[in-house]
Protein backbone atom coordinates (compact mmCIF):
# COMPACT_ATOMS: atom_id res chain seq x y z
CA UNK A 1 0.00 0.00 0.00
CA UNK A 2 1.40 3.34 -1.06
CA UNK A 3 0.21 4.93 2.23
CA UNK A 4 3.09 3.13 3.94
CA UNK A 5 5.61 5.17 1.96
CA UNK A 6 4.72 8.75 2.96
CA UNK A 7 7.94 10.80 3.26
CA UNK A 8 9.89 7.96 1.62
CA UNK A 9 11.48 7.70 -1.81
CA UNK A 10 10.09 4.96 -4.01
CA UNK A 11 10.25 3.81 -7.58
CA UNK A 12 6.90 3.21 -9.24
CA UNK A 13 5.82 1.60 -12.46
CA UNK A 14 3.04 3.83 -13.73
CA UNK A 15 0.42 3.48 -16.47
CA UNK A 16 -0.61 7.02 -17.47
CA UNK A 17 -3.92 8.20 -18.98
CA UNK A 18 -2.53 7.54 -22.49
CA UNK A 19 -1.64 3.97 -21.45
CA UNK A 20 2.09 4.69 -21.57
CA UNK A 21 4.02 2.70 -18.98
CA UNK A 22 6.95 4.42 -17.30
CA UNK A 23 9.23 4.07 -14.30
CA UNK A 24 9.27 7.10 -11.99
CA UNK A 25 11.30 7.83 -8.88
CA UNK A 26 9.20 9.85 -6.44
CA UNK A 27 9.15 11.19 -2.89
CA UNK A 28 5.65 10.48 -1.58
CA UNK A 29 4.25 13.62 0.10
CA UNK A 30 0.65 12.58 0.80
CA UNK A 31 -1.96 10.00 -0.15
CA UNK A 32 -5.72 10.55 -0.35
CA UNK A 33 -8.77 10.54 -2.60
CA UNK A 34 -7.21 7.88 -4.81
CA UNK A 35 -4.16 10.03 -5.55
CA UNK A 36 -0.55 10.34 -4.54
CA UNK A 37 0.97 13.81 -4.25
CA UNK A 38 4.70 13.53 -4.74
CA UNK A 39 7.90 15.17 -5.81
CA UNK A 40 8.92 13.38 -8.99
CA UNK A 41 12.69 13.14 -9.27
CA UNK A 42 12.34 11.89 -12.83
CA UNK A 43 10.63 15.14 -13.91
CA UNK A 44 12.19 17.24 -11.12
CA UNK A 45 8.75 18.67 -10.36
CA UNK A 46 5.67 18.09 -8.18
CA UNK A 47 3.28 15.52 -9.61
CA UNK A 48 0.00 13.83 -8.77
CA UNK A 49 -0.36 10.13 -9.57
CA UNK A 50 -3.61 8.13 -9.64
CA UNK A 51 -3.26 5.17 -7.29
CA UNK A 52 -5.23 2.87 -9.61
CA UNK A 53 -2.62 3.48 -12.32
CA UNK A 54 0.35 2.49 -10.15
CA UNK A 55 1.35 -1.01 -11.21
CA UNK A 56 4.14 -1.57 -8.68
CA UNK A 57 5.98 0.27 -5.88
CA UNK A 58 9.48 -0.44 -4.61
CA UNK A 59 11.23 1.37 -1.78
CA UNK A 60 14.51 2.98 -2.75
CA UNK A 61 17.08 2.05 -0.13
CA UNK A 62 18.60 5.13 1.42
CA UNK A 63 22.12 5.03 2.75
CA UNK A 64 22.77 6.16 6.31
PDB file of N, CA and C in Angstrom:
ATOM      1  N   UNK A   1       0.841  -1.185   0.000  1.00  0.00           N
ATOM      2  CA  UNK A   1       0.000   0.000   0.000  1.00  0.00           C
ATOM      3  C   UNK A   1       0.883   1.243   0.000  1.00  0.00           C
ATOM      4  N   UNK A   2       0.590   2.127  -0.880  1.00  0.00           N
ATOM      5  CA  UNK A   2       1.397   3.337  -1.057  1.00  0.00           C
ATOM      6  C   UNK A   2       1.366   4.228   0.192  1.00  0.00           C
ATOM      7  N   UNK A   3       0.314   4.117   1.004  1.00  0.00           N
ATOM      8  CA  UNK A   3       0.213   4.926   2.226  1.00  0.00           C
ATOM      9  C   UNK A   3       1.393   4.668   3.174  1.00  0.00           C
ATOM     10  N   UNK A   4       1.968   3.486   3.083  1.00  0.00           N
ATOM     11  CA  UNK A   4       3.091   3.129   3.944  1.00  0.00           C
ATOM     12  C   UNK A   4       4.385   3.845   3.574  1.00  0.00           C
ATOM     13  N   UNK A   5       4.385   4.560   2.454  1.00  0.00           N
ATOM     14  CA  UNK A   5       5.612   5.170   1.956  1.00  0.00           C
ATOM     15  C   UNK A   5       5.612   6.699   2.029  1.00  0.00           C
ATOM     16  N   UNK A   6       4.731   7.289   2.820  1.00  0.00           N
ATOM     17  CA  UNK A   6       4.720   8.750   2.960  1.00  0.00           C
ATOM     18  C   UNK A   6       6.065   9.203   3.529  1.00  0.00           C
ATOM     19  N   UNK A   7       6.612  10.238   2.926  1.00  0.00           N
ATOM     20  CA  UNK A   7       7.938  10.796   3.264  1.00  0.00           C
ATOM     21  C   UNK A   7       9.083   9.840   2.942  1.00  0.00           C
ATOM     22  N   UNK A   8       8.846   8.901   2.051  1.00  0.00           N
ATOM     23  CA  UNK A   8       9.890   7.962   1.620  1.00  0.00           C
ATOM     24  C   UNK A   8      10.049   8.082   0.105  1.00  0.00           C
ATOM     25  N   UNK A   9      11.217   7.706  -0.376  1.00  0.00           N
ATOM     26  CA  UNK A   9      11.482   7.704  -1.809  1.00  0.00           C
ATOM     27  C   UNK A   9      11.245   6.300  -2.352  1.00  0.00           C
ATOM     28  N   UNK A  10      10.428   6.236  -3.397  1.00  0.00           N
ATOM     29  CA  UNK A  10      10.091   4.956  -4.007  1.00  0.00           C
ATOM     30  C   UNK A  10      10.225   5.053  -5.525  1.00  0.00           C
ATOM     31  N   UNK A  11      10.301   3.890  -6.126  1.00  0.00           N
ATOM     32  CA  UNK A  11      10.247   3.813  -7.584  1.00  0.00           C
ATOM     33  C   UNK A  11       8.920   3.155  -7.919  1.00  0.00           C
ATOM     34  N   UNK A  12       8.191   3.769  -8.840  1.00  0.00           N
ATOM     35  CA  UNK A  12       6.902   3.205  -9.239  1.00  0.00           C
ATOM     36  C   UNK A  12       6.926   2.864 -10.726  1.00  0.00           C
ATOM     37  N   UNK A  13       6.142   1.868 -11.058  1.00  0.00           N
ATOM     38  CA  UNK A  13       5.819   1.600 -12.460  1.00  0.00           C
ATOM     39  C   UNK A  13       4.418   2.145 -12.640  1.00  0.00           C
ATOM     40  N   UNK A  14       4.271   3.059 -13.602  1.00  0.00           N
ATOM     41  CA  UNK A  14       3.036   3.827 -13.727  1.00  0.00           C
ATOM     42  C   UNK A  14       2.470   3.726 -15.131  1.00  0.00           C
ATOM     43  N   UNK A  15       1.156   3.551 -15.202  1.00  0.00           N
ATOM     44  CA  UNK A  15       0.422   3.480 -16.470  1.00  0.00           C
ATOM     45  C   UNK A  15      -0.392   4.767 -16.588  1.00  0.00           C
ATOM     46  N   UNK A  16       0.054   5.717 -17.409  1.00  0.00           N
ATOM     47  CA  UNK A  16      -0.612   7.024 -17.465  1.00  0.00           C
ATOM     48  C   UNK A  16      -1.923   6.982 -18.255  1.00  0.00           C
ATOM     49  N   UNK A  17      -2.594   8.134 -18.338  1.00  0.00           N
ATOM     50  CA  UNK A  17      -3.921   8.198 -18.980  1.00  0.00           C
ATOM     51  C   UNK A  17      -3.879   7.868 -20.473  1.00  0.00           C
ATOM     52  N   UNK A  18      -2.696   7.915 -21.081  1.00  0.00           N
ATOM     53  CA  UNK A  18      -2.534   7.540 -22.491  1.00  0.00           C
ATOM     54  C   UNK A  18      -2.102   6.084 -22.640  1.00  0.00           C
ATOM     55  N   UNK A  19      -2.045   5.377 -21.511  1.00  0.00           N
ATOM     56  CA  UNK A  19      -1.641   3.971 -21.447  1.00  0.00           C
ATOM     57  C   UNK A  19      -0.158   3.770 -21.736  1.00  0.00           C
ATOM     58  N   UNK A  20       0.642   4.811 -21.487  1.00  0.00           N
ATOM     59  CA  UNK A  20       2.092   4.694 -21.568  1.00  0.00           C
ATOM     60  C   UNK A  20       2.606   4.230 -20.213  1.00  0.00           C
ATOM     61  N   UNK A  21       3.447   3.213 -20.223  1.00  0.00           N
ATOM     62  CA  UNK A  21       4.015   2.702 -18.978  1.00  0.00           C
ATOM     63  C   UNK A  21       5.404   3.301 -18.806  1.00  0.00           C
ATOM     64  N   UNK A  22       5.655   3.815 -17.592  1.00  0.00           N
ATOM     65  CA  UNK A  22       6.953   4.424 -17.305  1.00  0.00           C
ATOM     66  C   UNK A  22       7.384   4.060 -15.891  1.00  0.00           C
ATOM     67  N   UNK A  23       8.668   4.256 -15.634  1.00  0.00           N
ATOM     68  CA  UNK A  23       9.227   4.072 -14.302  1.00  0.00           C
ATOM     69  C   UNK A  23       9.578   5.454 -13.779  1.00  0.00           C
ATOM     70  N   UNK A  24       9.057   5.790 -12.599  1.00  0.00           N
ATOM     71  CA  UNK A  24       9.270   7.104 -11.991  1.00  0.00           C
ATOM     72  C   UNK A  24       9.868   6.919 -10.603  1.00  0.00           C
ATOM     73  N   UNK A  25      10.779   7.796 -10.238  1.00  0.00           N
ATOM     74  CA  UNK A  25      11.304   7.831  -8.878  1.00  0.00           C
ATOM     75  C   UNK A  25      10.673   9.034  -8.200  1.00  0.00           C
ATOM     76  N   UNK A  26       9.971   8.785  -7.084  1.00  0.00           N
ATOM     77  CA  UNK A  26       9.201   9.853  -6.442  1.00  0.00           C
ATOM     78  C   UNK A  26       9.412   9.862  -4.926  1.00  0.00           C
ATOM     79  N   UNK A  27       9.226  11.034  -4.336  1.00  0.00           N
ATOM     80  CA  UNK A  27       9.150  11.189  -2.892  1.00  0.00           C
ATOM     81  C   UNK A  27       7.676  11.385  -2.574  1.00  0.00           C
ATOM     82  N   UNK A  28       7.073  10.433  -1.883  1.00  0.00           N
ATOM     83  CA  UNK A  28       5.645  10.477  -1.580  1.00  0.00           C
ATOM     84  C   UNK A  28       5.410  11.548  -0.519  1.00  0.00           C
ATOM     85  N   UNK A  29       4.573  12.540  -0.828  1.00  0.00           N
ATOM     86  CA  UNK A  29       4.253  13.622   0.103  1.00  0.00           C
ATOM     87  C   UNK A  29       2.958  13.340   0.868  1.00  0.00           C
ATOM     88  N   UNK A  30       1.924  12.900   0.150  1.00  0.00           N
ATOM     89  CA  UNK A  30       0.649  12.576   0.804  1.00  0.00           C
ATOM     90  C   UNK A  30      -0.142  11.624  -0.082  1.00  0.00           C
ATOM     91  N   UNK A  31      -1.107  10.957   0.554  1.00  0.00           N
ATOM     92  CA  UNK A  31      -1.956   9.999  -0.148  1.00  0.00           C
ATOM     93  C   UNK A  31      -3.387  10.246   0.286  1.00  0.00           C
ATOM     94  N   UNK A  32      -4.303  10.375  -0.666  1.00  0.00           N
ATOM     95  CA  UNK A  32      -5.718  10.553  -0.348  1.00  0.00           C
ATOM     96  C   UNK A  32      -6.550  10.715  -1.594  1.00  0.00           C
ATOM     97  N   UNK A  33      -7.824  10.410  -1.491  1.00  0.00           N
ATOM     98  CA  UNK A  33      -8.772  10.541  -2.600  1.00  0.00           C
ATOM     99  C   UNK A  33      -8.314   9.812  -3.859  1.00  0.00           C
ATOM    100  N   UNK A  34      -7.643   8.671  -3.667  1.00  0.00           N
ATOM    101  CA  UNK A  34      -7.212   7.878  -4.810  1.00  0.00           C
ATOM    102  C   UNK A  34      -6.006   8.436  -5.535  1.00  0.00           C
ATOM    103  N   UNK A  35      -5.310   9.382  -4.903  1.00  0.00           N
ATOM    104  CA  UNK A  35      -4.164  10.028  -5.549  1.00  0.00           C
ATOM    105  C   UNK A  35      -2.963  10.067  -4.632  1.00  0.00           C
ATOM    106  N   UNK A  36      -1.805  10.160  -5.255  1.00  0.00           N
ATOM    107  CA  UNK A  36      -0.548  10.337  -4.540  1.00  0.00           C
ATOM    108  C   UNK A  36       0.039  11.678  -4.955  1.00  0.00           C
ATOM    109  N   UNK A  37       0.255  12.555  -3.982  1.00  0.00           N
ATOM    110  CA  UNK A  37       0.966  13.807  -4.251  1.00  0.00           C
ATOM    111  C   UNK A  37       2.427  13.539  -3.943  1.00  0.00           C
ATOM    112  N   UNK A  38       3.295  13.891  -4.883  1.00  0.00           N
ATOM    113  CA  UNK A  38       4.697  13.533  -4.736  1.00  0.00           C
ATOM    114  C   UNK A  38       5.604  14.533  -5.433  1.00  0.00           C
ATOM    115  N   UNK A  39       6.870  14.498  -5.025  1.00  0.00           N
ATOM    116  CA  UNK A  39       7.898  15.172  -5.811  1.00  0.00           C
ATOM    117  C   UNK A  39       8.470  14.101  -6.721  1.00  0.00           C
ATOM    118  N   UNK A  40       8.404  14.337  -8.016  1.00  0.00           N
ATOM    119  CA  UNK A  40       8.916  13.380  -8.989  1.00  0.00           C
ATOM    120  C   UNK A  40      10.355  13.756  -9.324  1.00  0.00           C
ATOM    121  N   UNK A  41      11.288  12.899  -8.944  1.00  0.00           N
ATOM    122  CA  UNK A  41      12.692  13.142  -9.265  1.00  0.00           C
ATOM    123  C   UNK A  41      12.947  12.962 -10.751  1.00  0.00           C
ATOM    124  N   UNK A  42      12.176  12.118 -11.402  1.00  0.00           N
ATOM    125  CA  UNK A  42      12.343  11.889 -12.834  1.00  0.00           C
ATOM    126  C   UNK A  42      12.066  13.173 -13.618  1.00  0.00           C
ATOM    127  N   UNK A  43      10.995  13.883 -13.236  1.00  0.00           N
ATOM    128  CA  UNK A  43      10.627  15.141 -13.908  1.00  0.00           C
ATOM    129  C   UNK A  43      11.177  16.368 -13.180  1.00  0.00           C
ATOM    130  N   UNK A  44      11.716  16.158 -11.987  1.00  0.00           N
ATOM    131  CA  UNK A  44      12.189  17.244 -11.122  1.00  0.00           C
ATOM    132  C   UNK A  44      11.094  18.295 -10.911  1.00  0.00           C
ATOM    133  N   UNK A  45       9.906  17.798 -10.541  1.00  0.00           N
ATOM    134  CA  UNK A  45       8.746  18.668 -10.359  1.00  0.00           C
ATOM    135  C   UNK A  45       7.695  17.955  -9.511  1.00  0.00           C
ATOM    136  N   UNK A  46       6.779  18.732  -8.899  1.00  0.00           N
ATOM    137  CA  UNK A  46       5.673  18.088  -8.181  1.00  0.00           C
ATOM    138  C   UNK A  46       4.727  17.407  -9.168  1.00  0.00           C
ATOM    139  N   UNK A  47       4.205  16.273  -8.763  1.00  0.00           N
ATOM    140  CA  UNK A  47       3.278  15.520  -9.612  1.00  0.00           C
ATOM    141  C   UNK A  47       2.201  14.877  -8.756  1.00  0.00           C
ATOM    142  N   UNK A  48       1.078  14.584  -9.399  1.00  0.00           N
ATOM    143  CA  UNK A  48      -0.002  13.826  -8.770  1.00  0.00           C
ATOM    144  C   UNK A  48      -0.210  12.565  -9.597  1.00  0.00           C
ATOM    145  N   UNK A  49      -0.190  11.420  -8.915  1.00  0.00           N
ATOM    146  CA  UNK A  49      -0.358  10.130  -9.568  1.00  0.00           C
ATOM    147  C   UNK A  49      -1.649   9.479  -9.086  1.00  0.00           C
ATOM    148  N   UNK A  50      -2.392   8.861  -9.991  1.00  0.00           N
ATOM    149  CA  UNK A  50      -3.605   8.130  -9.645  1.00  0.00           C
ATOM    150  C   UNK A  50      -3.202   6.750  -9.123  1.00  0.00           C
ATOM    151  N   UNK A  51      -3.658   6.434  -7.912  1.00  0.00           N
ATOM    152  CA  UNK A  51      -3.262   5.168  -7.286  1.00  0.00           C
ATOM    153  C   UNK A  51      -3.638   3.969  -8.159  1.00  0.00           C
ATOM    154  N   UNK A  52      -4.787   3.999  -8.783  1.00  0.00           N
ATOM    155  CA  UNK A  52      -5.233   2.874  -9.609  1.00  0.00           C
ATOM    156  C   UNK A  52      -4.299   2.622 -10.794  1.00  0.00           C
ATOM    157  N   UNK A  53      -3.515   3.615 -11.180  1.00  0.00           N
ATOM    158  CA  UNK A  53      -2.616   3.481 -12.322  1.00  0.00           C
ATOM    159  C   UNK A  53      -1.190   3.078 -11.923  1.00  0.00           C
ATOM    160  N   UNK A  54      -0.955   2.933 -10.616  1.00  0.00           N
ATOM    161  CA  UNK A  54       0.351   2.490 -10.154  1.00  0.00           C
ATOM    162  C   UNK A  54       0.373   0.966 -10.199  1.00  0.00           C
ATOM    163  N   UNK A  55       1.267   0.431 -11.020  1.00  0.00           N
ATOM    164  CA  UNK A  55       1.350  -1.014 -11.213  1.00  0.00           C
ATOM    165  C   UNK A  55       2.168  -1.667 -10.103  1.00  0.00           C
ATOM    166  N   UNK A  56       3.268  -1.001  -9.703  1.00  0.00           N
ATOM    167  CA  UNK A  56       4.138  -1.572  -8.682  1.00  0.00           C
ATOM    168  C   UNK A  56       4.868  -0.445  -7.962  1.00  0.00           C
ATOM    169  N   UNK A  57       5.237  -0.697  -6.704  1.00  0.00           N
ATOM    170  CA  UNK A  57       5.978   0.267  -5.882  1.00  0.00           C
ATOM    171  C   UNK A  57       7.134  -0.475  -5.233  1.00  0.00           C
ATOM    172  N   UNK A  58       8.313   0.141  -5.269  1.00  0.00           N
ATOM    173  CA  UNK A  58       9.477  -0.439  -4.612  1.00  0.00           C
ATOM    174  C   UNK A  58      10.215   0.660  -3.860  1.00  0.00           C
ATOM    175  N   UNK A  59      10.498   0.411  -2.594  1.00  0.00           N
ATOM    176  CA  UNK A  59      11.230   1.369  -1.776  1.00  0.00           C
ATOM    177  C   UNK A  59      12.652   1.481  -2.277  1.00  0.00           C
ATOM    178  N   UNK A  60      13.110   2.726  -2.394  1.00  0.00           N
ATOM    179  CA  UNK A  60      14.509   2.981  -2.754  1.00  0.00           C
ATOM    180  C   UNK A  60      15.298   2.981  -1.459  1.00  0.00           C
ATOM    181  N   UNK A  61      16.271   2.129  -1.358  1.00  0.00           N
ATOM    182  CA  UNK A  61      17.076   2.046  -0.134  1.00  0.00           C
ATOM    183  C   UNK A  61      17.913   3.310  -0.012  1.00  0.00           C
ATOM    184  N   UNK A  62      17.839   3.914   1.170  1.00  0.00           N
ATOM    185  CA  UNK A  62      18.595   5.131   1.421  1.00  0.00           C
ATOM    186  C   UNK A  62      19.756   4.790   2.328  1.00  0.00           C
ATOM    187  N   UNK A  63      20.911   5.319   1.985  1.00  0.00           N
ATOM    188  CA  UNK A  63      22.119   5.032   2.750  1.00  0.00           C
ATOM    189  C   UNK A  63      22.199   5.945   3.956  1.00  0.00           C
ATOM    190  N   UNK A  64      22.642   5.396   5.069  1.00  0.00           N
ATOM    191  CA  UNK A  64      22.765   6.164   6.305  1.00  0.00           C
ATOM    192  C   UNK A  64      24.013   7.008   6.306  1.00  0.00           C
TER     193      UNK A  64
END
